[in-house]
Protein backbone atom coordinates (compact mmCIF):
# COMPACT_ATOMS: atom_id res chain seq x y z
CA MET A 1 43.55 107.27 87.52
CA GLU A 2 41.76 109.59 89.92
CA LYS A 3 42.20 111.00 93.22
CA LYS A 4 40.10 108.13 94.71
CA ASP A 5 42.34 105.19 93.96
CA PHE A 6 45.05 107.03 96.28
CA GLN A 7 43.76 107.63 99.21
CA ALA A 8 45.92 105.66 101.79
CA GLY A 9 48.43 107.42 100.16
CA ILE A 10 46.98 111.19 100.80
CA ALA A 11 46.65 110.53 103.99
CA LEU A 12 50.32 109.39 104.62
CA LEU A 13 50.85 112.94 103.08
CA GLY A 14 48.09 114.93 105.17
CA ARG A 15 50.08 113.81 108.17
CA PRO A 16 53.37 115.12 107.77
CA ALA A 17 56.15 114.04 110.89
CA LEU A 18 58.87 117.47 110.14
CA PRO A 19 55.98 119.70 111.75
CA LEU A 20 56.41 117.65 114.94
CA VAL A 21 60.13 117.31 114.78
CA SER A 22 60.11 121.30 114.79
CA MET A 23 58.14 120.76 118.23
CA VAL A 24 60.58 117.89 119.66
CA ARG A 25 63.85 120.24 118.69
CA PHE A 26 62.43 123.31 119.98
CA LEU A 27 61.50 121.94 123.22
CA TYR A 28 64.28 119.45 123.70
CA LEU A 29 67.01 122.08 123.01
CA THR A 30 65.29 124.76 125.41
CA GLY A 31 64.28 122.25 127.96
CA ASP A 32 65.77 120.46 130.82
CA PHE A 33 65.63 117.19 128.66
CA ALA A 34 68.69 114.66 129.16
CA THR A 35 67.21 112.74 126.14
CA VAL A 36 64.97 113.08 122.81
CA ALA A 37 62.69 110.14 124.21
CA GLU A 38 62.29 111.84 127.00
CA VAL A 39 60.17 115.20 125.35
CA ILE A 40 58.71 113.03 123.17
CA ASP A 41 57.18 110.65 125.38
CA GLU A 42 55.00 114.30 127.49
CA MET A 43 54.06 114.73 124.03
CA PRO A 44 50.02 115.48 124.48
CA GLU A 45 47.79 113.63 122.20
CA PRO A 46 46.04 114.40 120.43
CA ILE A 47 47.85 117.65 118.46
CA GLU A 48 46.38 119.50 116.25
CA THR A 49 48.30 121.89 114.00
CA GLY A 50 47.21 124.41 111.07
CA TYR A 51 47.31 121.66 108.59
CA ALA A 52 46.66 118.20 110.22
CA LEU A 53 45.46 116.74 113.31
CA TYR A 54 47.49 113.98 114.87
CA GLU A 55 45.87 111.31 116.87
CA HIS A 56 48.99 109.37 117.95
CA PRO A 57 52.37 111.99 117.69
CA ARG A 58 54.20 110.12 120.04
CA ALA A 59 54.25 106.37 117.92
CA LEU A 60 54.86 108.73 115.02
CA LEU A 61 57.81 110.30 116.57
CA HIS A 62 59.01 107.54 117.86
CA SER A 63 59.34 105.83 114.46
CA HIS A 64 61.69 108.59 113.78
CA HIS A 65 63.66 108.91 116.76
CA LYS A 66 66.96 106.71 115.44
CA HIS A 67 67.50 110.21 113.83
CA LEU A 68 66.24 112.31 116.22
CA VAL A 69 68.74 111.43 118.87
CA LEU A 70 71.20 113.46 116.49
CA LEU A 71 69.82 116.47 118.39
CA GLU A 72 71.83 115.03 121.84
CA ALA A 73 75.18 115.33 120.66
CA LEU A 74 74.28 118.82 119.47
CA LYS A 75 73.16 120.03 122.65
CA THR A 76 76.06 118.09 124.50
CA GLY A 77 78.38 119.94 122.17
CA ASP A 78 79.74 116.60 120.92
CA PRO A 79 81.63 117.14 117.55
CA GLN A 80 79.57 116.45 114.25
CA GLN A 81 80.92 114.37 111.43
CA GLU A 82 78.77 115.40 108.76
CA GLN A 83 79.03 118.78 106.80
CA VAL A 84 76.88 120.88 105.44
CA ILE A 85 77.47 123.67 103.27
CA ASP A 86 75.64 126.15 101.15
CA ASP A 87 75.78 127.20 97.79
CA SER A 88 78.98 128.90 97.71
CA GLY A 89 80.77 126.33 99.67
CA GLU A 90 80.76 127.63 102.95
CA VAL A 91 80.02 125.61 105.81
CA LEU A 92 76.85 126.35 107.97
CA ASP A 93 76.56 126.09 111.81
CA GLY A 94 75.94 123.11 113.90
CA MET A 95 72.57 123.59 114.34
CA THR A 96 71.56 124.52 110.92
CA ALA A 97 73.13 121.34 109.47
CA VAL A 98 72.29 119.09 112.37
CA THR A 99 68.49 120.64 111.55
CA ALA A 100 68.65 119.93 108.41
CA LEU A 101 70.29 116.08 108.33
CA ILE A 102 67.66 115.17 110.91
CA SER A 103 64.82 116.56 108.20
CA GLN A 104 66.57 115.00 105.28
CA ARG A 105 66.29 111.22 106.99
CA VAL A 106 63.23 112.06 108.33
CA MET A 107 61.70 112.76 105.53
CA GLU A 108 62.84 109.94 103.28
CA ASN A 109 61.63 107.62 105.69
CA GLU A 110 58.60 109.14 105.38
CA LEU A 111 58.32 109.31 101.89
CA GLU A 112 59.24 105.51 101.02
CA SER A 113 55.91 104.61 102.99
CA VAL A 114 54.42 107.34 101.47
CA ASN A 115 55.36 106.22 97.79
CA SER A 116 54.73 102.57 98.25
CA ALA A 117 51.25 103.49 98.74
CA LEU A 118 50.78 105.65 95.84
CA CYS A 119 52.46 103.46 93.96
CA GLY A 120 50.81 100.61 94.53
CA PRO A 121 47.27 101.54 92.60
CA CYS A 122 49.31 102.43 89.49
CA GLY A 123 49.92 99.01 88.26
CA CYS A 124 52.59 101.27 86.17
CA ARG A 125 56.45 100.42 84.86
CA LEU A 126 57.72 103.60 84.27
CA CYS A 127 60.66 103.33 86.51
CA CYS A 128 61.33 99.85 85.72
CA VAL A 129 61.99 100.33 81.50
CA GLY A 130 64.32 102.19 79.30
CA PRO A 131 63.41 105.21 77.24
CA GLU A 132 60.91 104.57 74.46
CA SER A 133 61.44 105.18 70.62
CA GLY A 134 61.35 108.94 70.56
CA MET A 135 62.68 110.15 73.52
CA GLN A 136 65.75 111.96 73.96
CA GLN A 137 67.65 109.76 76.56
CA GLU A 138 69.57 106.57 75.32
CA PHE A 139 69.46 105.28 78.66
CA PHE A 140 68.36 105.33 82.00
CA GLU A 141 70.37 104.76 85.29
CA ILE A 142 69.51 102.72 88.04
CA PRO A 143 72.21 103.40 90.39
CA LEU A 144 72.88 100.34 92.91
CA GLN A 145 74.45 99.68 96.62
CA ASP A 146 77.20 97.26 95.98
CA VAL A 147 75.47 93.73 97.09
CA GLU A 148 72.23 95.11 95.46
CA ALA A 149 73.97 94.19 91.89
CA ASP A 150 74.07 90.57 92.95
CA LEU A 151 69.92 91.03 92.71
CA PHE A 152 70.96 90.87 88.96
CA PRO A 153 72.14 87.92 87.45
CA ILE A 154 73.07 89.48 83.78
CA ASP A 155 75.96 90.58 82.57
CA ARG A 156 78.39 93.06 84.16
CA HIS A 157 81.67 95.09 83.27
CA ASP A 158 83.56 95.96 86.21
CA ASP A 159 86.70 96.79 85.10
CA ALA A 160 90.02 100.13 85.09
CA ASP A 161 88.29 101.39 82.59
CA SER A 162 84.32 101.63 83.82
CA ARG A 163 85.91 102.68 87.29
CA SER A 164 87.32 105.51 86.02
CA CYS A 165 84.95 107.29 84.34
CA LEU A 166 80.89 108.07 84.89
CA ALA A 167 77.81 106.51 83.18
CA MET A 168 76.89 110.23 82.33
CA ASP A 169 80.62 111.34 80.92
CA ASP A 170 80.66 112.55 77.72
CA PRO A 171 82.50 111.23 75.45
CA PRO A 172 80.83 107.98 77.05
CA LEU A 173 82.62 104.37 77.84
CA GLN A 174 83.32 102.17 74.42
CA LEU A 175 82.46 98.49 74.77
CA ASN A 176 84.10 96.91 71.28
CA GLY A 177 83.77 100.54 69.30
CA ILE A 178 79.99 101.26 70.41
CA PRO A 179 78.91 103.42 73.63
CA PHE A 180 78.08 101.22 76.49
CA TYR A 181 74.25 102.12 76.43
CA LYS A 182 74.06 101.02 72.53
CA GLN A 183 73.86 96.95 74.17
CA THR A 184 70.42 95.44 73.46
CA ASP A 185 69.69 94.00 76.65
CA PRO A 186 70.49 95.77 80.26
CA GLU A 187 73.97 95.05 82.03
CA LEU A 188 75.68 95.81 85.51
CA PHE A 189 78.31 98.47 85.19
CA HIS A 190 80.91 99.29 88.06
CA TRP A 191 81.66 103.48 87.40
CA GLN A 192 83.94 105.52 89.40
CA ASN A 193 80.71 106.60 91.94
CA GLY A 194 79.65 102.50 92.27
CA TRP A 195 77.22 100.09 90.45
CA SER A 196 74.02 100.65 88.32
CA LEU A 197 72.06 99.00 85.88
CA ILE A 198 71.83 100.24 82.75
CA LEU A 199 68.82 100.20 81.04
CA PRO A 200 68.77 100.58 77.21
CA ARG A 201 66.20 102.22 74.79
CA GLU A 202 63.05 99.75 74.89
CA SER A 203 64.59 97.54 77.39
CA SER A 204 63.18 96.33 80.58
CA CYS A 205 64.53 95.89 83.44
CA PRO A 206 65.91 92.31 84.82
CA GLY A 207 64.45 92.14 87.82
CA LEU A 208 60.49 92.04 85.91
CA THR A 209 58.98 88.97 85.55
CA GLU A 210 56.85 88.65 81.96
CA ASN A 211 53.65 89.96 83.67
CA GLY A 212 54.99 93.28 84.84
CA ARG A 213 55.77 92.06 88.21
CA CYS A 214 58.92 93.02 89.92
CA ARG A 215 60.39 89.43 91.38
CA VAL A 216 63.23 90.82 93.73
CA TYR A 217 60.70 93.54 95.11
CA ALA A 218 60.72 92.38 98.63
CA ASP A 219 65.03 92.93 98.32
CA ARG A 220 64.76 95.54 95.75
CA PRO A 221 67.00 98.13 95.38
CA LEU A 222 67.16 101.25 97.77
CA VAL A 223 66.39 103.71 94.60
CA CYS A 224 63.63 101.50 93.84
CA ARG A 225 61.87 102.83 97.29
CA LYS A 226 61.90 105.91 96.78
CA PRO A 227 59.59 106.51 93.25
CA GLN A 228 58.29 109.94 92.52
CA ILE A 229 58.91 112.23 95.27
CA PHE A 230 62.01 113.16 97.04
CA SER A 231 63.13 114.57 100.02
CA TYR A 232 65.81 117.18 98.52
CA ILE A 233 66.66 119.00 101.38
CA LEU A 234 70.11 117.91 101.38
CA GLU A 235 72.61 116.71 98.44
CA GLN A 236 75.37 114.82 98.62
CA THR A 237 78.58 116.80 97.20
CA GLY A 238 80.97 113.98 96.51
CA HIS A 239 82.95 114.25 99.16
CA THR A 240 82.58 112.12 102.50
CA ASP A 241 80.25 112.89 104.92
CA GLN A 242 79.80 116.81 102.99
CA TYR A 243 76.13 118.06 101.97
CA ARG A 244 74.87 121.11 100.28
CA LEU A 245 71.97 122.19 101.51
CA ARG A 246 68.38 122.62 99.19
CA SER A 247 65.63 122.84 100.93
CA SER A 248 63.37 121.62 98.71
CA LEU A 249 60.87 118.50 97.85
CA LEU A 250 61.20 117.34 94.14
CA ALA A 251 58.65 115.53 92.82
CA ILE A 252 58.48 113.96 89.27
CA THR A 253 55.69 114.58 86.94
CA ASP A 254 55.92 111.45 84.65
CA CYS A 255 55.15 109.62 87.68
CA PRO A 256 50.87 108.99 87.41
CA TYR A 257 50.05 109.55 91.18
CA VAL A 258 51.99 113.05 90.98
CA GLN A 259 50.30 114.33 87.78
CA VAL A 260 47.02 113.61 89.96
CA LEU A 261 48.17 114.67 93.22
CA GLN A 262 50.07 117.67 92.55
CA ASP A 263 48.11 120.21 95.10
CA GLU A 264 48.35 117.28 97.91
CA ILE A 265 52.13 117.31 97.32
CA ALA A 266 52.38 120.88 96.94
CA ALA A 267 50.38 121.26 101.28
CA TYR A 268 52.63 118.45 102.13
CA ALA A 269 55.86 121.15 100.74
CA ALA A 270 54.11 124.24 102.44
CA ALA A 271 53.39 121.90 105.61
CA CYS A 272 57.02 121.31 105.61
CA GLU A 273 58.39 124.59 104.78
CA LEU A 274 60.15 123.24 101.99
CA GLU A 275 60.21 124.36 98.24
CA LEU A 276 58.52 122.04 95.87
CA VAL A 277 60.06 121.49 92.39
CA PHE A 278 57.76 119.73 90.21
CA LYS A 279 60.57 117.93 86.97
CA GLY A 280 60.13 115.85 84.22
CA ASN A 281 62.72 112.79 83.89
CA LYS A 282 61.75 111.13 80.53
CA GLN A 283 61.69 113.86 77.45
């Protein structure tokens, strides 16, 4: 694959929303505006930053309005349900927390479109198959929302034993005296933290057809919509409505388009003022 194969995705990487979001936050919190929508409607067009030219910034910002309205609660002093902590566990101030929450959600939405545009030209099945022979991993886990488990009509394991542990626990859950991942075919498991699809070695997602197409693409799980560049501004801690501040962008180097577009991804991270982490998953 070459860069010319990814022009649609490159164009999206070249227009990150977060620099515009920062402008809206500053103008709203320091100006005489009742709503965030008022600020967006008064933004000039076009807007040029040191990184990009935005021909239609208002439309871009309105597409993220549902996340930007968090600023209104901050301005009115309403209590914030979600909590953000630092690495030491200290609770961060409201401004930092709301800024991070907005940035995480805006970037998640944006990267879903970016990754979809980049994934199509690859035609690979990297995210849809279990470990190959010779890899260190015994299985791959695809986390699922409760309703997403119904997409796959395969064997399920949902009992007191599975719900008392996690997929990565050591020792692992045993099925008929052997580790759960030694099964030949993909199976669904309800763990302590919810459902996941387990892909054993040299297996394929049951959603794949014989020609490698996804038969559930229109309704595919949330996690499948977000390969292989991730917003890692916030990390869930395991406690309800609590997150840890990470301020990072994570890119998985196993992915063909991440390998080709490292410079473009680095520029995107810099424009969003995030630390970039390149990381391989399959070893």
